[in-house]
Amino acid sequence: MNKIITFIKEAKEELLKVNWPSKKQTLNYTLIVIGVSLAVAVFLGGLDYIFNYLLKVFII
């Protein structure tokens, strides 16, 4: 039981040393991730549409 308590205390000490991002930074990073995800989705969706069209025209 002593090892568990020591581990929890040390983990808490380490978490206090972490340089957490500010609310503004977190919001900016979140918006960047959402934007990049949407851009990749649109790009892959466009490729899917183009390949689907080419398959219908030339193969089917």
PDB file of N, CA and C in Angstrom:
ATOM      1  N   MET A   1       0.837  -1.202   0.000  1.00  0.00           N
ATOM      2  CA  MET A   1       0.000   0.000   0.000  1.00  0.00           C
ATOM      3  C   MET A   1       0.874   1.255   0.000  1.00  0.00           C
ATOM      4  N   ASN A   2       2.025   1.161   0.642  1.00  0.00           N
ATOM      5  CA  ASN A   2       2.941   2.301   0.701  1.00  0.00           C
ATOM      6  C   ASN A   2       3.417   2.706  -0.696  1.00  0.00           C
ATOM      7  N   LYS A   3       3.668   1.707  -1.558  1.00  0.00           N
ATOM      8  CA  LYS A   3       4.142   1.994  -2.910  1.00  0.00           C
ATOM      9  C   LYS A   3       3.084   2.738  -3.718  1.00  0.00           C
ATOM     10  N   ILE A   4       1.840   2.383  -3.525  1.00  0.00           N
ATOM     11  CA  ILE A   4       0.756   3.055  -4.249  1.00  0.00           C
ATOM     12  C   ILE A   4       0.660   4.512  -3.832  1.00  0.00           C
ATOM     13  N   ILE A   5       0.727   4.773  -2.541  1.00  0.00           N
ATOM     14  CA  ILE A   5       0.649   6.153  -2.033  1.00  0.00           C
ATOM     15  C   ILE A   5       1.834   6.963  -2.532  1.00  0.00           C
ATOM     16  N   THR A   6       3.028   6.368  -2.516  1.00  0.00           N
ATOM     17  CA  THR A   6       4.226   7.052  -3.019  1.00  0.00           C
ATOM     18  C   THR A   6       4.072   7.367  -4.500  1.00  0.00           C
ATOM     19  N   PHE A   7       3.567   6.402  -5.257  1.00  0.00           N
ATOM     20  CA  PHE A   7       3.375   6.616  -6.688  1.00  0.00           C
ATOM     21  C   PHE A   7       2.417   7.780  -6.943  1.00  0.00           C
ATOM     22  N   ILE A   8       1.314   7.825  -6.236  1.00  0.00           N
ATOM     23  CA  ILE A   8       0.323   8.892  -6.427  1.00  0.00           C
ATOM     24  C   ILE A   8       0.920  10.249  -6.074  1.00  0.00           C
ATOM     25  N   LYS A   9       1.683  10.322  -4.994  1.00  0.00           N
ATOM     26  CA  LYS A   9       2.318  11.595  -4.603  1.00  0.00           C
ATOM     27  C   LYS A   9       3.312  12.048  -5.666  1.00  0.00           C
ATOM     28  N   GLU A  10       4.123  11.112  -6.160  1.00  0.00           N
ATOM     29  CA  GLU A  10       5.107  11.472  -7.190  1.00  0.00           C
ATOM     30  C   GLU A  10       4.422  11.879  -8.495  1.00  0.00           C
ATOM     31  N   ALA A  11       3.356  11.207  -8.844  1.00  0.00           N
ATOM     32  CA  ALA A  11       2.617  11.565 -10.062  1.00  0.00           C
ATOM     33  C   ALA A  11       2.040  12.965  -9.932  1.00  0.00           C
ATOM     34  N   LYS A  12       1.515  13.305  -8.755  1.00  0.00           N
ATOM     35  CA  LYS A  12       0.956  14.636  -8.531  1.00  0.00           C
ATOM     36  C   LYS A  12       2.046  15.698  -8.644  1.00  0.00           C
ATOM     37  N   GLU A  13       3.233  15.412  -8.094  1.00  0.00           N
ATOM     38  CA  GLU A  13       4.352  16.352  -8.190  1.00  0.00           C
ATOM     39  C   GLU A  13       4.752  16.581  -9.639  1.00  0.00           C
ATOM     40  N   GLU A  14       4.785  15.512 -10.426  1.00  0.00           N
ATOM     41  CA  GLU A  14       5.153  15.644 -11.835  1.00  0.00           C
ATOM     42  C   GLU A  14       4.105  16.437 -12.614  1.00  0.00           C
ATOM     43  N   LEU A  15       2.838  16.230 -12.302  1.00  0.00           N
ATOM     44  CA  LEU A  15       1.781  16.975 -12.991  1.00  0.00           C
ATOM     45  C   LEU A  15       1.848  18.466 -12.683  1.00  0.00           C
ATOM     46  N   LEU A  16       2.332  18.818 -11.507  1.00  0.00           N
ATOM     47  CA  LEU A  16       2.483  20.230 -11.173  1.00  0.00           C
ATOM     48  C   LEU A  16       3.614  20.882 -11.964  1.00  0.00           C
ATOM     49  N   LYS A  17       4.560  20.087 -12.445  1.00  0.00           N
ATOM     50  CA  LYS A  17       5.681  20.606 -13.231  1.00  0.00           C
ATOM     51  C   LYS A  17       5.311  20.828 -14.694  1.00  0.00           C
ATOM     52  N   VAL A  18       4.199  20.251 -15.141  1.00  0.00           N
ATOM     53  CA  VAL A  18       3.800  20.333 -16.548  1.00  0.00           C
ATOM     54  C   VAL A  18       3.425  21.766 -16.894  1.00  0.00           C
ATOM     55  N   ASN A  19       3.883  22.208 -18.059  1.00  0.00           N
ATOM     56  CA  ASN A  19       3.541  23.533 -18.565  1.00  0.00           C
ATOM     57  C   ASN A  19       2.263  23.397 -19.403  1.00  0.00           C
ATOM     58  N   TRP A  20       1.117  23.573 -18.766  1.00  0.00           N
ATOM     59  CA  TRP A  20      -0.168  23.388 -19.434  1.00  0.00           C
ATOM     60  C   TRP A  20      -0.448  24.562 -20.368  1.00  0.00           C
ATOM     61  N   PRO A  21      -1.048  24.300 -21.545  1.00  0.00           N
ATOM     62  CA  PRO A  21      -1.384  25.400 -22.460  1.00  0.00           C
ATOM     63  C   PRO A  21      -2.517  26.248 -21.889  1.00  0.00           C
ATOM     64  N   SER A  22      -2.530  27.500 -22.317  1.00  0.00           N
ATOM     65  CA  SER A  22      -3.593  28.397 -21.871  1.00  0.00           C
ATOM     66  C   SER A  22      -4.892  28.046 -22.591  1.00  0.00           C
ATOM     67  N   LYS A  23      -5.980  28.653 -22.156  1.00  0.00           N
ATOM     68  CA  LYS A  23      -7.277  28.393 -22.778  1.00  0.00           C
ATOM     69  C   LYS A  23      -7.269  28.835 -24.244  1.00  0.00           C
ATOM     70  N   LYS A  24      -6.612  29.964 -24.511  1.00  0.00           N
ATOM     71  CA  LYS A  24      -6.548  30.485 -25.880  1.00  0.00           C
ATOM     72  C   LYS A  24      -5.738  29.541 -26.778  1.00  0.00           C
ATOM     73  N   GLN A  25      -4.609  29.046 -26.276  1.00  0.00           N
ATOM     74  CA  GLN A  25      -3.801  28.108 -27.049  1.00  0.00           C
ATOM     75  C   GLN A  25      -4.574  26.822 -27.338  1.00  0.00           C
ATOM     76  N   THR A  26      -5.274  26.329 -26.335  1.00  0.00           N
ATOM     77  CA  THR A  26      -6.056  25.106 -26.506  1.00  0.00           C
ATOM     78  C   THR A  26      -7.136  25.305 -27.560  1.00  0.00           C
ATOM     79  N   LEU A  27      -7.801  26.437 -27.532  1.00  0.00           N
ATOM     80  CA  LEU A  27      -8.828  26.740 -28.526  1.00  0.00           C
ATOM     81  C   LEU A  27      -8.220  26.827 -29.923  1.00  0.00           C
ATOM     82  N   ASN A  28      -7.076  27.513 -30.047  1.00  0.00           N
ATOM     83  CA  ASN A  28      -6.413  27.636 -31.349  1.00  0.00           C
ATOM     84  C   ASN A  28      -6.000  26.275 -31.892  1.00  0.00           C
ATOM     85  N   TYR A  29      -5.395  25.442 -31.053  1.00  0.00           N
ATOM     86  CA  TYR A  29      -4.969  24.115 -31.494  1.00  0.00           C
ATOM     87  C   TYR A  29      -6.171  23.266 -31.895  1.00  0.00           C
ATOM     88  N   THR A  30      -7.258  23.386 -31.152  1.00  0.00           N
ATOM     89  CA  THR A  30      -8.462  22.632 -31.478  1.00  0.00           C
ATOM     90  C   THR A  30      -9.017  23.058 -32.835  1.00  0.00           C
ATOM     91  N   LEU A  31      -9.054  24.357 -33.080  1.00  0.00           N
ATOM     92  CA  LEU A  31      -9.549  24.855 -34.366  1.00  0.00           C
ATOM     93  C   LEU A  31      -8.649  24.419 -35.516  1.00  0.00           C
ATOM     94  N   ILE A  32      -7.343  24.384 -35.285  1.00  0.00           N
ATOM     95  CA  ILE A  32      -6.415  23.925 -36.320  1.00  0.00           C
ATOM     96  C   ILE A  32      -6.674  22.459 -36.649  1.00  0.00           C
ATOM     97  N   VAL A  33      -6.851  21.638 -35.627  1.00  0.00           N
ATOM     98  CA  VAL A  33      -7.112  20.212 -35.846  1.00  0.00           C
ATOM     99  C   VAL A  33      -8.418  20.011 -36.606  1.00  0.00           C
ATOM    100  N   ILE A  34      -9.452  20.753 -36.221  1.00  0.00           N
ATOM    101  CA  ILE A  34     -10.738  20.636 -36.913  1.00  0.00           C
ATOM    102  C   ILE A  34     -10.603  21.088 -38.372  1.00  0.00           C
ATOM    103  N   GLY A  35      -9.899  22.187 -38.596  1.00  0.00           N
ATOM    104  CA  GLY A  35      -9.711  22.692 -39.954  1.00  0.00           C
ATOM    105  C   GLY A  35      -8.953  21.724 -40.839  1.00  0.00           C
ATOM    106  N   VAL A  36      -7.857  21.181 -40.322  1.00  0.00           N
ATOM    107  CA  VAL A  36      -7.072  20.219 -41.102  1.00  0.00           C
ATOM    108  C   VAL A  36      -7.886  18.953 -41.361  1.00  0.00           C
ATOM    109  N   SER A  37      -8.633  18.513 -40.368  1.00  0.00           N
ATOM    110  CA  SER A  37      -9.470  17.319 -40.543  1.00  0.00           C
ATOM    111  C   SER A  37     -10.516  17.544 -41.634  1.00  0.00           C
ATOM    112  N   LEU A  38     -11.153  18.704 -41.643  1.00  0.00           N
ATOM    113  CA  LEU A  38     -12.136  19.008 -42.679  1.00  0.00           C
ATOM    114  C   LEU A  38     -11.489  19.093 -44.059  1.00  0.00           C
ATOM    115  N   ALA A  39     -10.304  19.695 -44.126  1.00  0.00           N
ATOM    116  CA  ALA A  39      -9.610  19.805 -45.409  1.00  0.00           C
ATOM    117  C   ALA A  39      -9.257  18.425 -45.949  1.00  0.00           C
ATOM    118  N   VAL A  40      -8.767  17.547 -45.106  1.00  0.00           N
ATOM    119  CA  VAL A  40      -8.429  16.190 -45.539  1.00  0.00           C
ATOM    120  C   VAL A  40      -9.695  15.441 -45.960  1.00  0.00           C
ATOM    121  N   ALA A  41     -10.784  15.631 -45.226  1.00  0.00           N
ATOM    122  CA  ALA A  41     -12.042  14.962 -45.568  1.00  0.00           C
ATOM    123  C   ALA A  41     -12.543  15.430 -46.927  1.00  0.00           C
ATOM    124  N   VAL A  42     -12.473  16.725 -47.192  1.00  0.00           N
ATOM    125  CA  VAL A  42     -12.923  17.256 -48.487  1.00  0.00           C
ATOM    126  C   VAL A  42     -12.030  16.728 -49.609  1.00  0.00           C
ATOM    127  N   PHE A  43     -10.720  16.707 -49.371  1.00  0.00           N
ATOM    128  CA  PHE A  43      -9.781  16.210 -50.378  1.00  0.00           C
ATOM    129  C   PHE A  43     -10.051  14.742 -50.697  1.00  0.00           C
ATOM    130  N   LEU A  44     -10.177  13.912 -49.680  1.00  0.00           N
ATOM    131  CA  LEU A  44     -10.433  12.485 -49.902  1.00  0.00           C
ATOM    132  C   LEU A  44     -11.813  12.250 -50.506  1.00  0.00           C
ATOM    133  N   GLY A  45     -12.795  13.039 -50.087  1.00  0.00           N
ATOM    134  CA  GLY A  45     -14.118  12.938 -50.690  1.00  0.00           C
ATOM    135  C   GLY A  45     -14.089  13.302 -52.164  1.00  0.00           C
ATOM    136  N   GLY A  46     -13.317  14.328 -52.512  1.00  0.00           N
ATOM    137  CA  GLY A  46     -13.167  14.712 -53.917  1.00  0.00           C
ATOM    138  C   GLY A  46     -12.512  13.624 -54.738  1.00  0.00           C
ATOM    139  N   LEU A  47     -11.461  13.024 -54.184  1.00  0.00           N
ATOM    140  CA  LEU A  47     -10.821  11.913 -54.890  1.00  0.00           C
ATOM    141  C   LEU A  47     -11.782  10.749 -55.072  1.00  0.00           C
ATOM    142  N   ASP A  48     -12.551  10.457 -54.053  1.00  0.00           N
ATOM    143  CA  ASP A  48     -13.529   9.370 -54.131  1.00  0.00           C
ATOM    144  C   ASP A  48     -14.550   9.658 -55.228  1.00  0.00           C
ATOM    145  N   TYR A  49     -15.027  10.882 -55.278  1.00  0.00           N
ATOM    146  CA  TYR A  49     -16.006  11.268 -56.297  1.00  0.00           C
ATOM    147  C   TYR A  49     -15.407  11.135 -57.700  1.00  0.00           C
ATOM    148  N   ILE A  50     -14.186  11.608 -57.877  1.00  0.00           N
ATOM    149  CA  ILE A  50     -13.531  11.556 -59.189  1.00  0.00           C
ATOM    150  C   ILE A  50     -13.313  10.114 -59.623  1.00  0.00           C
ATOM    151  N   PHE A  51     -12.784   9.277 -58.732  1.00  0.00           N
ATOM    152  CA  PHE A  51     -12.544   7.886 -59.098  1.00  0.00           C
ATOM    153  C   PHE A  51     -13.846   7.141 -59.359  1.00  0.00           C
ATOM    154  N   ASN A  52     -14.870   7.448 -58.592  1.00  0.00           N
ATOM    155  CA  ASN A  52     -16.177   6.828 -58.815  1.00  0.00           C
ATOM    156  C   ASN A  52     -16.709   7.219 -60.196  1.00  0.00           C
ATOM    157  N   TYR A  53     -16.579   8.480 -60.541  1.00  0.00           N
ATOM    158  CA  TYR A  53     -17.023   8.957 -61.856  1.00  0.00           C
ATOM    159  C   TYR A  53     -16.232   8.272 -62.966  1.00  0.00           C
ATOM    160  N   LEU A  54     -14.914   8.194 -62.819  1.00  0.00           N
ATOM    161  CA  LEU A  54     -14.084   7.554 -63.848  1.00  0.00           C
ATOM    162  C   LEU A  54     -14.424   6.085 -64.005  1.00  0.00           C
ATOM    163  N   LEU A  55     -14.704   5.406 -62.911  1.00  0.00           N
ATOM    164  CA  LEU A  55     -15.083   4.000 -62.992  1.00  0.00           C
ATOM    165  C   LEU A  55     -16.405   3.833 -63.733  1.00  0.00           C
ATOM    166  N   LYS A  56     -17.352   4.705 -63.454  1.00  0.00           N
ATOM    167  CA  LYS A  56     -18.642   4.611 -64.128  1.00  0.00           C
ATOM    168  C   LYS A  56     -18.513   4.895 -65.617  1.00  0.00           C
ATOM    169  N   VAL A  57     -17.688   5.865 -65.986  1.00  0.00           N
ATOM    170  CA  VAL A  57     -17.569   6.251 -67.379  1.00  0.00           C
ATOM    171  C   VAL A  57     -16.782   5.211 -68.186  1.00  0.00           C
ATOM    172  N   PHE A  58     -15.666   4.754 -67.683  1.00  0.00           N
ATOM    173  CA  PHE A  58     -14.774   3.925 -68.486  1.00  0.00           C
ATOM    174  C   PHE A  58     -14.944   2.417 -68.273  1.00  0.00           C
ATOM    175  N   ILE A  59     -15.437   2.000 -67.132  1.00  0.00           N
ATOM    176  CA  ILE A  59     -15.536   0.560 -66.873  1.00  0.00           C
ATOM    177  C   ILE A  59     -16.966   0.062 -66.952  1.00  0.00           C
ATOM    178  N   ILE A  60     -17.881   0.789 -66.396  1.00  0.00           N
ATOM    179  CA  ILE A  60     -19.264   0.307 -66.364  1.00  0.00           C
ATOM    180  C   ILE A  60     -19.974   0.827 -67.532  1.00  0.00           C
TER     181      ILE A  60
END
